[in-house]
Amino acid sequence: MVIRGGQNIYPAEVEGLLADHPAIGSVAIVGYPDKEMGERCAAYVIPKAGMSFSFKDMVDHLKSKEIAMFKLPEHLEIVAEFPTVGDSGKINKETLKKDIRERLGLA
């Protein structure tokens, strides 16, 4: 769970809504620290082959699903693959959290 300004954001909910987008192959939502809000959300997306996906595409899609505004991810990273935990294939969200902190200069 990500707590943004006292509001709870469940990554699985946002991931499920984004997974419906025709250009998305896979998605992961992670939180990152923010001085003002406590935490904010970042979306990591692997687009389907030959497709592109932008921040505007993400926001428009989520708004069309009538998601609460505070649940909108505030950062988007397009990646080719996700780090996984061992051989399980499960996404290593701790590695993604570290990555977003480094990318945003918060490490």
N, C-alpha and C. Protein backbone atom coordinates (compact mmCIF):
# COMPACT_ATOMS: atom_id res chain seq x y z
N MET A 1 0.84 -1.18 0.00
CA MET A 1 0.00 0.00 0.00
C MET A 1 0.89 1.25 0.00
N VAL A 2 0.44 2.25 -0.71
CA VAL A 2 1.12 3.55 -0.76
C VAL A 2 0.21 4.54 -0.04
N ILE A 3 0.78 5.32 0.86
CA ILE A 3 -0.01 6.33 1.57
C ILE A 3 0.42 7.70 1.06
N ARG A 4 -0.48 8.33 0.31
CA ARG A 4 -0.22 9.64 -0.31
C ARG A 4 -1.09 10.68 0.36
N GLY A 5 -0.49 11.55 1.14
CA GLY A 5 -1.24 12.61 1.80
C GLY A 5 -2.36 12.08 2.68
N GLY A 6 -2.14 10.95 3.32
CA GLY A 6 -3.14 10.36 4.20
C GLY A 6 -4.14 9.47 3.48
N GLN A 7 -4.07 9.40 2.17
CA GLN A 7 -4.99 8.56 1.38
C GLN A 7 -4.29 7.24 1.02
N ASN A 8 -5.01 6.14 1.15
CA ASN A 8 -4.45 4.83 0.81
C ASN A 8 -4.61 4.53 -0.67
N ILE A 9 -3.51 4.10 -1.28
CA ILE A 9 -3.53 3.70 -2.68
C ILE A 9 -3.07 2.24 -2.72
N TYR A 10 -3.91 1.38 -3.29
CA TYR A 10 -3.56 -0.02 -3.40
C TYR A 10 -3.01 -0.28 -4.80
N PRO A 11 -1.71 -0.59 -4.90
CA PRO A 11 -1.10 -0.79 -6.21
C PRO A 11 -1.85 -1.79 -7.09
N ALA A 12 -2.37 -2.87 -6.52
CA ALA A 12 -3.06 -3.88 -7.32
C ALA A 12 -4.29 -3.29 -8.03
N GLU A 13 -4.97 -2.34 -7.40
CA GLU A 13 -6.13 -1.71 -8.02
C GLU A 13 -5.72 -0.93 -9.27
N VAL A 14 -4.68 -0.09 -9.13
CA VAL A 14 -4.23 0.73 -10.24
C VAL A 14 -3.62 -0.15 -11.33
N GLU A 15 -2.86 -1.17 -10.93
CA GLU A 15 -2.28 -2.09 -11.90
C GLU A 15 -3.37 -2.78 -12.72
N GLY A 16 -4.45 -3.20 -12.05
CA GLY A 16 -5.55 -3.87 -12.74
C GLY A 16 -6.21 -2.97 -13.77
N LEU A 17 -6.39 -1.71 -13.43
CA LEU A 17 -7.01 -0.76 -14.36
C LEU A 17 -6.08 -0.48 -15.55
N LEU A 18 -4.79 -0.34 -15.28
CA LEU A 18 -3.85 -0.07 -16.36
C LEU A 18 -3.66 -1.29 -17.26
N ALA A 19 -3.74 -2.48 -16.70
CA ALA A 19 -3.55 -3.71 -17.48
C ALA A 19 -4.60 -3.85 -18.57
N ASP A 20 -5.73 -3.15 -18.42
CA ASP A 20 -6.79 -3.18 -19.44
C ASP A 20 -6.42 -2.39 -20.68
N HIS A 21 -5.40 -1.53 -20.61
CA HIS A 21 -5.03 -0.70 -21.76
C HIS A 21 -4.44 -1.59 -22.85
N PRO A 22 -4.88 -1.41 -24.09
CA PRO A 22 -4.41 -2.30 -25.18
C PRO A 22 -2.92 -2.23 -25.48
N ALA A 23 -2.22 -1.17 -25.07
CA ALA A 23 -0.79 -1.05 -25.36
C ALA A 23 0.09 -1.62 -24.25
N ILE A 24 -0.50 -2.02 -23.13
CA ILE A 24 0.30 -2.47 -21.98
C ILE A 24 0.39 -3.98 -21.93
N GLY A 25 1.65 -4.45 -21.88
CA GLY A 25 1.90 -5.87 -21.71
C GLY A 25 1.95 -6.24 -20.24
N SER A 26 2.60 -5.40 -19.45
CA SER A 26 2.73 -5.65 -18.02
C SER A 26 2.93 -4.32 -17.30
N VAL A 27 2.49 -4.26 -16.03
CA VAL A 27 2.57 -3.01 -15.27
C VAL A 27 2.86 -3.31 -13.80
N ALA A 28 3.57 -2.41 -13.16
CA ALA A 28 3.82 -2.48 -11.72
C ALA A 28 3.75 -1.06 -11.16
N ILE A 29 3.09 -0.91 -10.03
CA ILE A 29 2.97 0.37 -9.35
C ILE A 29 3.78 0.29 -8.06
N VAL A 30 4.62 1.31 -7.83
CA VAL A 30 5.40 1.37 -6.60
C VAL A 30 5.34 2.79 -6.03
N GLY A 31 5.56 2.88 -4.74
CA GLY A 31 5.60 4.18 -4.09
C GLY A 31 7.03 4.68 -3.97
N TYR A 32 7.16 5.99 -3.90
CA TYR A 32 8.46 6.59 -3.64
C TYR A 32 8.26 7.75 -2.67
N PRO A 33 9.28 8.06 -1.85
CA PRO A 33 9.13 9.09 -0.82
C PRO A 33 8.95 10.49 -1.40
N ASP A 34 8.15 11.29 -0.70
CA ASP A 34 7.91 12.67 -1.09
C ASP A 34 7.76 13.50 0.18
N LYS A 35 8.50 14.61 0.25
CA LYS A 35 8.48 15.44 1.46
C LYS A 35 7.10 16.03 1.73
N GLU A 36 6.40 16.42 0.68
CA GLU A 36 5.10 17.07 0.85
C GLU A 36 3.97 16.09 1.13
N MET A 37 3.91 15.00 0.37
CA MET A 37 2.78 14.07 0.45
C MET A 37 3.07 12.79 1.23
N GLY A 38 4.30 12.57 1.64
CA GLY A 38 4.67 11.33 2.31
C GLY A 38 5.17 10.32 1.30
N GLU A 39 4.29 9.97 0.36
CA GLU A 39 4.65 9.08 -0.74
C GLU A 39 3.89 9.50 -1.98
N ARG A 40 4.42 9.14 -3.12
CA ARG A 40 3.76 9.30 -4.41
C ARG A 40 3.91 7.98 -5.16
N CYS A 41 3.14 7.82 -6.25
CA CYS A 41 3.17 6.58 -7.02
C CYS A 41 3.88 6.75 -8.35
N ALA A 42 4.57 5.70 -8.71
CA ALA A 42 5.20 5.61 -10.03
C ALA A 42 4.69 4.34 -10.71
N ALA A 43 4.46 4.44 -12.00
CA ALA A 43 4.05 3.28 -12.79
C ALA A 43 5.22 2.83 -13.66
N TYR A 44 5.53 1.56 -13.59
CA TYR A 44 6.50 0.94 -14.49
C TYR A 44 5.70 0.12 -15.49
N VAL A 45 5.94 0.36 -16.78
CA VAL A 45 5.16 -0.29 -17.82
C VAL A 45 6.07 -0.94 -18.86
N ILE A 46 5.69 -2.16 -19.23
CA ILE A 46 6.30 -2.82 -20.38
C ILE A 46 5.23 -2.79 -21.47
N PRO A 47 5.45 -1.99 -22.52
CA PRO A 47 4.45 -1.94 -23.60
C PRO A 47 4.47 -3.24 -24.41
N LYS A 48 3.34 -3.53 -25.04
CA LYS A 48 3.29 -4.67 -25.96
C LYS A 48 4.18 -4.37 -27.15
N ALA A 49 4.66 -5.42 -27.80
CA ALA A 49 5.57 -5.28 -28.94
C ALA A 49 4.99 -4.34 -30.00
N GLY A 50 5.82 -3.39 -30.41
CA GLY A 50 5.44 -2.47 -31.47
C GLY A 50 4.49 -1.36 -31.03
N MET A 51 4.19 -1.29 -29.74
CA MET A 51 3.26 -0.28 -29.26
C MET A 51 3.99 0.73 -28.38
N SER A 52 3.42 1.92 -28.26
CA SER A 52 4.00 2.92 -27.37
C SER A 52 2.97 3.30 -26.33
N PHE A 53 3.44 3.89 -25.26
CA PHE A 53 2.56 4.27 -24.15
C PHE A 53 3.18 5.50 -23.50
N SER A 54 2.37 6.54 -23.32
CA SER A 54 2.87 7.80 -22.76
C SER A 54 2.20 8.11 -21.43
N PHE A 55 2.75 9.11 -20.74
CA PHE A 55 2.14 9.57 -19.49
C PHE A 55 0.70 10.01 -19.74
N LYS A 56 0.49 10.74 -20.85
CA LYS A 56 -0.87 11.20 -21.19
C LYS A 56 -1.79 10.02 -21.43
N ASP A 57 -1.31 8.98 -22.12
CA ASP A 57 -2.12 7.78 -22.34
C ASP A 57 -2.54 7.17 -21.01
N MET A 58 -1.59 7.12 -20.06
CA MET A 58 -1.88 6.55 -18.75
C MET A 58 -2.96 7.36 -18.03
N VAL A 59 -2.77 8.67 -17.97
CA VAL A 59 -3.73 9.52 -17.25
C VAL A 59 -5.11 9.46 -17.91
N ASP A 60 -5.15 9.57 -19.23
CA ASP A 60 -6.44 9.51 -19.94
C ASP A 60 -7.15 8.19 -19.69
N HIS A 61 -6.40 7.09 -19.74
CA HIS A 61 -7.00 5.78 -19.52
C HIS A 61 -7.57 5.65 -18.10
N LEU A 62 -6.77 6.07 -17.12
CA LEU A 62 -7.24 5.95 -15.73
C LEU A 62 -8.43 6.87 -15.46
N LYS A 63 -8.42 8.06 -16.02
CA LYS A 63 -9.56 8.97 -15.85
C LYS A 63 -10.81 8.38 -16.49
N SER A 64 -10.65 7.68 -17.60
CA SER A 64 -11.81 7.05 -18.25
C SER A 64 -12.41 5.95 -17.38
N LYS A 65 -11.59 5.41 -16.47
CA LYS A 65 -12.05 4.37 -15.54
C LYS A 65 -12.63 4.99 -14.26
N GLU A 66 -12.66 6.33 -14.22
CA GLU A 66 -13.21 7.10 -13.10
C GLU A 66 -12.49 6.80 -11.78
N ILE A 67 -11.17 6.67 -11.87
CA ILE A 67 -10.36 6.47 -10.68
C ILE A 67 -10.25 7.79 -9.92
N ALA A 68 -10.14 7.71 -8.61
CA ALA A 68 -9.95 8.93 -7.81
C ALA A 68 -8.65 9.61 -8.22
N MET A 69 -8.68 10.92 -8.31
CA MET A 69 -7.51 11.68 -8.78
C MET A 69 -6.26 11.41 -7.95
N PHE A 70 -6.41 11.22 -6.65
CA PHE A 70 -5.23 11.02 -5.80
C PHE A 70 -4.53 9.68 -6.10
N LYS A 71 -5.20 8.79 -6.81
CA LYS A 71 -4.62 7.48 -7.13
C LYS A 71 -3.82 7.49 -8.43
N LEU A 72 -3.87 8.58 -9.18
CA LEU A 72 -3.13 8.64 -10.44
C LEU A 72 -1.63 8.62 -10.17
N PRO A 73 -0.89 7.72 -10.82
CA PRO A 73 0.57 7.74 -10.68
C PRO A 73 1.11 9.08 -11.19
N GLU A 74 2.14 9.56 -10.53
CA GLU A 74 2.70 10.86 -10.88
C GLU A 74 4.00 10.75 -11.66
N HIS A 75 4.38 9.52 -11.95
CA HIS A 75 5.59 9.29 -12.72
C HIS A 75 5.39 8.00 -13.53
N LEU A 76 5.94 7.97 -14.74
CA LEU A 76 5.86 6.79 -15.60
C LEU A 76 7.24 6.44 -16.10
N GLU A 77 7.59 5.19 -15.98
CA GLU A 77 8.84 4.66 -16.52
C GLU A 77 8.50 3.53 -17.49
N ILE A 78 8.99 3.63 -18.71
CA ILE A 78 8.83 2.57 -19.71
C ILE A 78 10.09 1.71 -19.64
N VAL A 79 9.90 0.41 -19.44
CA VAL A 79 11.04 -0.51 -19.31
C VAL A 79 10.84 -1.71 -20.23
N ALA A 80 11.93 -2.41 -20.50
CA ALA A 80 11.87 -3.60 -21.37
C ALA A 80 11.53 -4.85 -20.58
N GLU A 81 11.91 -4.86 -19.29
CA GLU A 81 11.62 -6.02 -18.44
C GLU A 81 11.63 -5.59 -16.99
N PHE A 82 11.03 -6.43 -16.14
CA PHE A 82 11.00 -6.17 -14.70
C PHE A 82 12.02 -7.05 -14.00
N PRO A 83 12.61 -6.54 -12.93
CA PRO A 83 13.45 -7.41 -12.10
C PRO A 83 12.53 -8.42 -11.40
N THR A 84 13.00 -9.65 -11.26
CA THR A 84 12.17 -10.66 -10.63
C THR A 84 12.84 -11.23 -9.39
N VAL A 85 12.04 -11.89 -8.58
CA VAL A 85 12.53 -12.53 -7.37
C VAL A 85 12.84 -13.99 -7.71
N GLY A 86 14.12 -14.30 -7.71
CA GLY A 86 14.53 -15.68 -8.00
C GLY A 86 13.97 -16.19 -9.31
N ASP A 87 13.54 -17.45 -9.32
CA ASP A 87 12.98 -18.08 -10.52
C ASP A 87 11.47 -18.02 -10.54
N SER A 88 10.88 -17.35 -9.54
CA SER A 88 9.42 -17.34 -9.41
C SER A 88 8.73 -16.53 -10.50
N GLY A 89 9.44 -15.57 -11.08
CA GLY A 89 8.83 -14.70 -12.07
C GLY A 89 8.07 -13.54 -11.44
N LYS A 90 8.00 -13.52 -10.11
CA LYS A 90 7.31 -12.44 -9.40
C LYS A 90 8.14 -11.15 -9.49
N ILE A 91 7.46 -10.04 -9.76
CA ILE A 91 8.14 -8.75 -9.89
C ILE A 91 8.76 -8.35 -8.56
N ASN A 92 10.03 -7.96 -8.59
CA ASN A 92 10.72 -7.50 -7.38
C ASN A 92 10.46 -6.00 -7.22
N LYS A 93 9.42 -5.67 -6.47
CA LYS A 93 9.04 -4.27 -6.31
C LYS A 93 10.03 -3.50 -5.45
N GLU A 94 10.76 -4.17 -4.59
CA GLU A 94 11.78 -3.48 -3.79
C GLU A 94 12.86 -2.93 -4.71
N THR A 95 13.23 -3.70 -5.73
CA THR A 95 14.22 -3.22 -6.70
C THR A 95 13.66 -2.03 -7.48
N LEU A 96 12.38 -2.09 -7.85
CA LEU A 96 11.76 -0.96 -8.56
C LEU A 96 11.70 0.28 -7.67
N LYS A 97 11.41 0.10 -6.39
CA LYS A 97 11.37 1.25 -5.46
C LYS A 97 12.74 1.91 -5.37
N LYS A 98 13.78 1.09 -5.31
CA LYS A 98 15.15 1.62 -5.27
C LYS A 98 15.46 2.34 -6.58
N ASP A 99 15.04 1.75 -7.70
CA ASP A 99 15.29 2.34 -9.02
C ASP A 99 14.62 3.71 -9.15
N ILE A 100 13.37 3.83 -8.73
CA ILE A 100 12.67 5.12 -8.89
C ILE A 100 13.29 6.18 -7.99
N ARG A 101 13.73 5.80 -6.81
CA ARG A 101 14.41 6.77 -5.93
C ARG A 101 15.69 7.27 -6.59
N GLU A 102 16.44 6.35 -7.21
CA GLU A 102 17.68 6.76 -7.89
C GLU A 102 17.39 7.64 -9.10
N ARG A 103 16.40 7.28 -9.89
CA ARG A 103 16.05 8.05 -11.09
C ARG A 103 15.61 9.47 -10.74
N LEU A 104 14.93 9.60 -9.61
CA LEU A 104 14.42 10.91 -9.19
C LEU A 104 15.37 11.64 -8.24
N GLY A 105 16.54 11.06 -8.01
CA GLY A 105 17.53 11.70 -7.15
C GLY A 105 17.14 11.72 -5.68
N LEU A 106 16.40 10.69 -5.26
CA LEU A 106 15.94 10.62 -3.87
C LEU A 106 16.71 9.59 -3.05
N ALA A 107 17.66 8.93 -3.68
CA ALA A 107 18.38 7.84 -2.99
C ALA A 107 19.33 8.37 -1.94
